[in-house]
Amino acid sequence: MRVTLAPGPNPFLYLQANADASPDAVFAQSPDQVLTNAEAVVYAKKVAYEMRRLGVKAGDVVALDLPDMLSIVFTEAVYHEGGVSTVLPTVLWRTAPFESTGSSAEKRQHRRRMHGW
């Protein structure tokens, strides 16, 4: 699915600005891990590169179902690519398989999710 986005600032740019101003400041923290602004930028750009390689384009909707720390980084990567992220309710995966009618990248992600890749 692709949506038309209203002009406005890309949220990834806020992360980039924070990393430039305070690279060692905490971007996200869990009981097991601390992620700095600088690390978040690096990880988000790496994930964004892979998304782009898989065919994600500006305006694409990318559904995420990841643990919190990964979800934060992947969301920033989606923003980096000009996409829109959404979170799938856990109940959706438990009740019925997701029927992907979108891009081949979405279908690959769906297959990976369903097969536990």
Protein backbone atom coordinates (compact mmCIF):
# COMPACT_ATOMS: atom_id res chain seq x y z
CA MET A 1 0.00 0.00 0.00
CA ARG A 2 1.26 3.47 -0.79
CA VAL A 3 -0.09 6.68 0.71
CA THR A 4 0.32 10.31 -0.27
CA LEU A 5 2.05 12.22 2.47
CA ALA A 6 1.46 15.84 3.32
CA PRO A 7 4.61 17.95 3.12
CA GLY A 8 6.32 18.23 6.44
CA PRO A 9 9.48 17.43 8.31
CA ASN A 10 10.73 13.87 8.21
CA PRO A 11 10.86 12.56 11.82
CA PHE A 12 14.22 10.92 11.10
CA LEU A 13 15.68 14.42 10.74
CA TYR A 14 14.91 15.07 14.42
CA LEU A 15 16.94 12.00 15.38
CA GLN A 16 19.76 13.14 13.09
CA ALA A 17 19.73 16.62 14.67
CA ASN A 18 19.76 15.14 18.17
CA ALA A 19 22.65 12.85 17.22
CA ASP A 20 24.59 15.81 15.82
CA ALA A 21 23.99 17.87 18.96
CA SER A 22 24.31 15.10 21.57
CA PRO A 23 25.65 11.87 20.07
CA ASP A 24 26.10 10.14 23.45
CA ALA A 25 22.67 11.07 24.81
CA VAL A 26 20.25 8.20 25.39
CA PHE A 27 17.86 7.64 22.51
CA ALA A 28 16.18 4.54 23.94
CA GLN A 29 16.71 2.36 26.97
CA SER A 30 15.47 -1.03 28.06
CA PRO A 31 16.40 -3.06 31.14
CA ASP A 32 19.05 -4.82 29.04
CA GLN A 33 20.25 -2.20 26.60
CA VAL A 34 21.00 1.49 26.13
CA LEU A 35 20.98 2.99 22.65
CA THR A 36 22.59 6.39 22.08
CA ASN A 37 21.45 8.93 19.49
CA ALA A 38 24.54 8.24 17.37
CA GLU A 39 24.00 4.47 17.49
CA ALA A 40 20.33 4.88 16.59
CA VAL A 41 21.24 6.91 13.49
CA VAL A 42 23.76 4.30 12.35
CA TYR A 43 21.38 1.37 12.92
CA ALA A 44 18.41 3.17 11.34
CA LYS A 45 20.46 3.99 8.23
CA LYS A 46 21.59 0.37 7.92
CA VAL A 47 18.03 -0.90 8.21
CA ALA A 48 16.84 1.83 5.79
CA TYR A 49 19.42 0.66 3.24
CA GLU A 50 18.09 -2.89 3.46
CA MET A 51 14.49 -1.67 3.18
CA ARG A 52 15.40 0.33 0.08
CA ARG A 53 17.19 -2.71 -1.36
CA LEU A 54 14.03 -4.77 -0.79
CA GLY A 55 11.92 -2.20 -2.63
CA VAL A 56 10.47 0.05 0.07
CA LYS A 57 9.79 3.49 -1.43
CA ALA A 58 8.59 6.85 -0.12
CA GLY A 59 4.90 6.63 0.74
CA ASP A 60 4.94 2.87 1.34
CA VAL A 61 3.25 1.63 4.49
CA VAL A 62 5.48 -0.71 6.49
CA ALA A 63 3.89 -2.81 9.23
CA LEU A 64 6.09 -3.65 12.19
CA ASP A 65 5.74 -6.40 14.75
CA LEU A 66 9.00 -6.28 16.66
CA PRO A 67 10.27 -6.02 20.23
CA ASP A 68 10.31 -2.43 21.48
CA MET A 69 14.00 -1.62 20.93
CA LEU A 70 13.98 -3.02 17.39
CA SER A 71 10.66 -1.39 16.62
CA ILE A 72 12.06 2.03 17.51
CA VAL A 73 15.06 1.63 15.19
CA PHE A 74 12.96 0.16 12.36
CA THR A 75 10.43 2.98 12.68
CA GLU A 76 13.24 5.52 12.28
CA ALA A 77 14.46 3.57 9.22
CA VAL A 78 10.96 3.75 7.70
CA TYR A 79 10.97 7.51 8.29
CA HIS A 80 14.42 7.73 6.71
CA GLU A 81 12.96 6.20 3.55
CA GLY A 82 9.91 8.47 3.59
CA GLY A 83 7.58 5.64 4.44
CA VAL A 84 4.78 5.35 6.96
CA SER A 85 5.00 2.82 9.77
CA THR A 86 2.23 1.08 11.57
CA VAL A 87 2.14 -1.59 14.23
CA LEU A 88 0.11 -4.73 13.69
CA PRO A 89 -1.98 -5.82 16.64
CA THR A 90 -0.67 -9.07 18.11
CA VAL A 91 -4.14 -10.58 17.88
CA LEU A 92 -4.01 -10.27 14.07
CA TRP A 93 -1.11 -12.71 13.85
CA ARG A 94 -2.72 -15.12 16.29
CA THR A 95 -6.14 -15.29 14.63
CA ALA A 96 -5.42 -15.41 10.89
CA PRO A 97 -2.51 -15.16 8.51
CA PHE A 98 -1.98 -11.75 6.98
CA GLU A 99 -2.96 -11.74 3.32
CA SER A 100 -0.42 -9.54 1.61
CA THR A 101 -1.59 -7.88 -1.58
CA GLY A 102 1.18 -5.29 -1.58
CA SER A 103 4.66 -5.04 -3.00
CA SER A 104 7.03 -7.96 -3.30
CA ALA A 105 8.95 -6.56 -0.31
CA GLU A 106 5.78 -6.82 1.79
CA LYS A 107 5.21 -10.36 0.58
CA ARG A 108 8.78 -11.37 1.45
CA GLN A 109 8.38 -9.88 4.92
CA HIS A 110 5.08 -11.70 5.33
CA ARG A 111 6.70 -15.04 4.36
CA ARG A 112 9.56 -14.44 6.78
CA ARG A 113 7.13 -13.67 9.59
CA MET A 114 4.93 -16.69 8.89
CA HIS A 115 7.92 -19.06 8.68
CA GLY A 116 9.84 -17.56 11.59
CA TRP A 117 12.80 -16.45 9.47
